[in-house]
Protein backbone atom coordinates (compact mmCIF):
# COMPACT_ATOMS: atom_id res chain seq x y z
CA MET A 1 241.66 122.82 50.29
CA ASP A 2 241.10 120.03 48.74
CA ARG A 3 238.55 118.89 51.02
CA CYS A 4 236.85 122.19 50.25
CA ALA A 5 236.88 121.96 46.54
CA LEU A 6 235.34 117.94 46.62
CA GLU A 7 232.36 119.96 49.19
CA PHE A 8 231.60 122.15 46.85
CA ILE A 9 231.50 119.39 43.31
CA ALA A 10 229.71 116.66 45.56
CA ARG A 11 227.18 119.84 46.72
CA ARG A 12 226.95 120.84 43.07
CA TRP A 13 226.44 117.10 41.83
CA TRP A 14 223.47 116.84 44.51
CA ARG A 15 222.03 119.86 43.45
CA ARG A 16 222.19 118.37 39.81
CA ALA A 17 220.91 115.19 40.58
CA GLU A 18 218.27 116.39 43.10
CA VAL A 19 216.88 118.70 39.97
CA TRP A 20 216.83 115.60 37.62
CA ILE A 21 215.13 113.54 40.63
CA ILE A 22 212.41 115.73 40.92
CA ALA A 23 211.80 116.58 37.29
CA ALA A 24 211.52 112.68 37.27
CA LEU A 25 209.18 113.00 39.74
CA LEU A 26 207.39 115.54 38.05
CA VAL A 27 207.14 113.82 34.65
CA ALA A 28 205.79 110.17 36.55
CA GLY A 29 203.00 112.22 37.71
CA GLY A 30 202.39 114.02 34.83
CA ALA A 31 202.51 110.22 32.99
CA VAL A 32 200.02 108.77 36.10
CA LEU A 33 197.66 111.28 36.00
CA GLY A 34 197.38 110.92 32.01
CA TRP A 35 197.23 107.87 32.07
CA GLN A 36 194.02 108.03 34.81
CA SER A 37 192.52 110.63 32.84
CA ALA A 38 192.56 108.62 29.93
CA TYR A 39 190.69 105.98 32.04
CA TRP A 40 188.29 107.82 32.90
CA ALA A 41 187.65 108.76 29.69
CA MET A 42 187.83 105.52 27.77
CA ALA A 43 185.27 104.28 30.82
CA SER A 44 182.96 107.18 30.32
CA THR A 45 183.08 106.66 26.98
CA GLN A 46 182.28 102.91 26.86
CA ALA A 47 179.43 103.44 29.00
CA ASN A 48 177.86 106.00 26.78
CA GLN A 49 177.94 103.43 24.19
CA VAL A 50 176.61 100.93 26.18
CA THR A 51 173.46 103.26 27.28
CA GLN A 52 173.04 103.86 22.97
CA ILE A 53 172.95 100.32 22.70
CA ARG A 54 170.35 99.46 25.12
CA GLU A 55 168.45 101.78 24.20
CA ALA A 56 168.53 100.45 20.40
CA TYR A 57 168.05 96.76 21.57
CA ASP A 58 164.82 98.46 23.53
CA ALA A 59 163.26 99.61 20.45
CA ALA A 60 164.15 96.86 18.11
CA MET A 61 162.34 94.86 20.64
CA THR A 62 159.36 97.05 20.87
CA GLU A 63 159.32 97.34 17.00
CA ARG A 64 159.58 92.88 17.22
CA ASP A 65 156.50 92.85 19.85
CA LYS A 66 154.39 95.16 18.05
CA ARG A 67 154.82 92.45 14.74
CA LEU A 68 154.45 89.63 16.70
CA ASP A 69 151.09 91.39 18.19
CA GLU A 70 150.18 92.21 14.20
CA LEU A 71 150.93 88.81 13.00
CA THR A 72 148.77 87.15 15.83
CA ARG A 73 146.02 89.53 15.01
CA LYS A 74 146.26 88.14 11.33
CA THR A 75 146.54 84.71 12.13
CA GLU A 76 143.40 84.94 14.62
CA SER A 77 141.33 86.45 12.24
CA ALA A 78 142.38 83.95 9.46
CA ALA A 79 141.67 81.64 11.48
CA THR A 80 138.35 82.62 12.53
CA LYS A 81 137.93 82.67 8.12
CA ALA A 82 139.49 79.45 8.01
CA SER A 83 136.64 77.79 10.65
CA LYS A 84 133.93 80.16 8.93
CA ALA A 85 134.73 78.33 5.88
CA ALA A 86 135.12 75.17 6.76
CA THR A 87 131.81 75.49 8.60
CA THR A 88 130.01 76.47 5.08
CA ALA A 89 132.06 73.96 3.57
CA THR A 90 130.60 71.42 6.16
CA GLN A 91 127.14 72.62 5.66
CA ALA A 92 127.48 72.66 1.43
CA ALA A 93 128.28 69.40 2.00
CA ASP A 94 125.43 68.08 4.01
CA LYS A 95 123.14 69.78 1.76
CA ALA A 96 124.68 68.38 -0.99
CA ASP A 97 124.66 64.70 0.47
CA GLU A 98 120.83 65.54 1.42
CA ALA A 99 120.37 66.39 -1.91
CA LEU A 100 122.28 63.32 -3.47
CA ASN A 101 120.00 61.01 -0.76
CA ARG A 102 116.55 62.60 -1.97
CA VAL A 103 117.06 61.85 -5.71
CA SER A 104 118.47 58.25 -5.29
CA PRO A 105 116.33 56.40 -4.01
């Protein structure tokens, strides 16, 4: 009779242990799935942020290229005007030299 009672108690405690083991496995599985879900969401958010940063960088580079093109055009225009002014100044200096040479003899 004692053996029967001990077996009954042992089965009862084993069932409790089984329940606790199953509960622990379910909690651990849920934690792993939750962690993986959070990691996936973080990776997705990070990928979206990288895409936005790349788009902003491309837009900034396009704007910079436009400004550099405009600066190049203005510089070329200024160089052309300076060249014309230098040519005109050279011609004026030549004419002044001719005038001075005619008067001096």
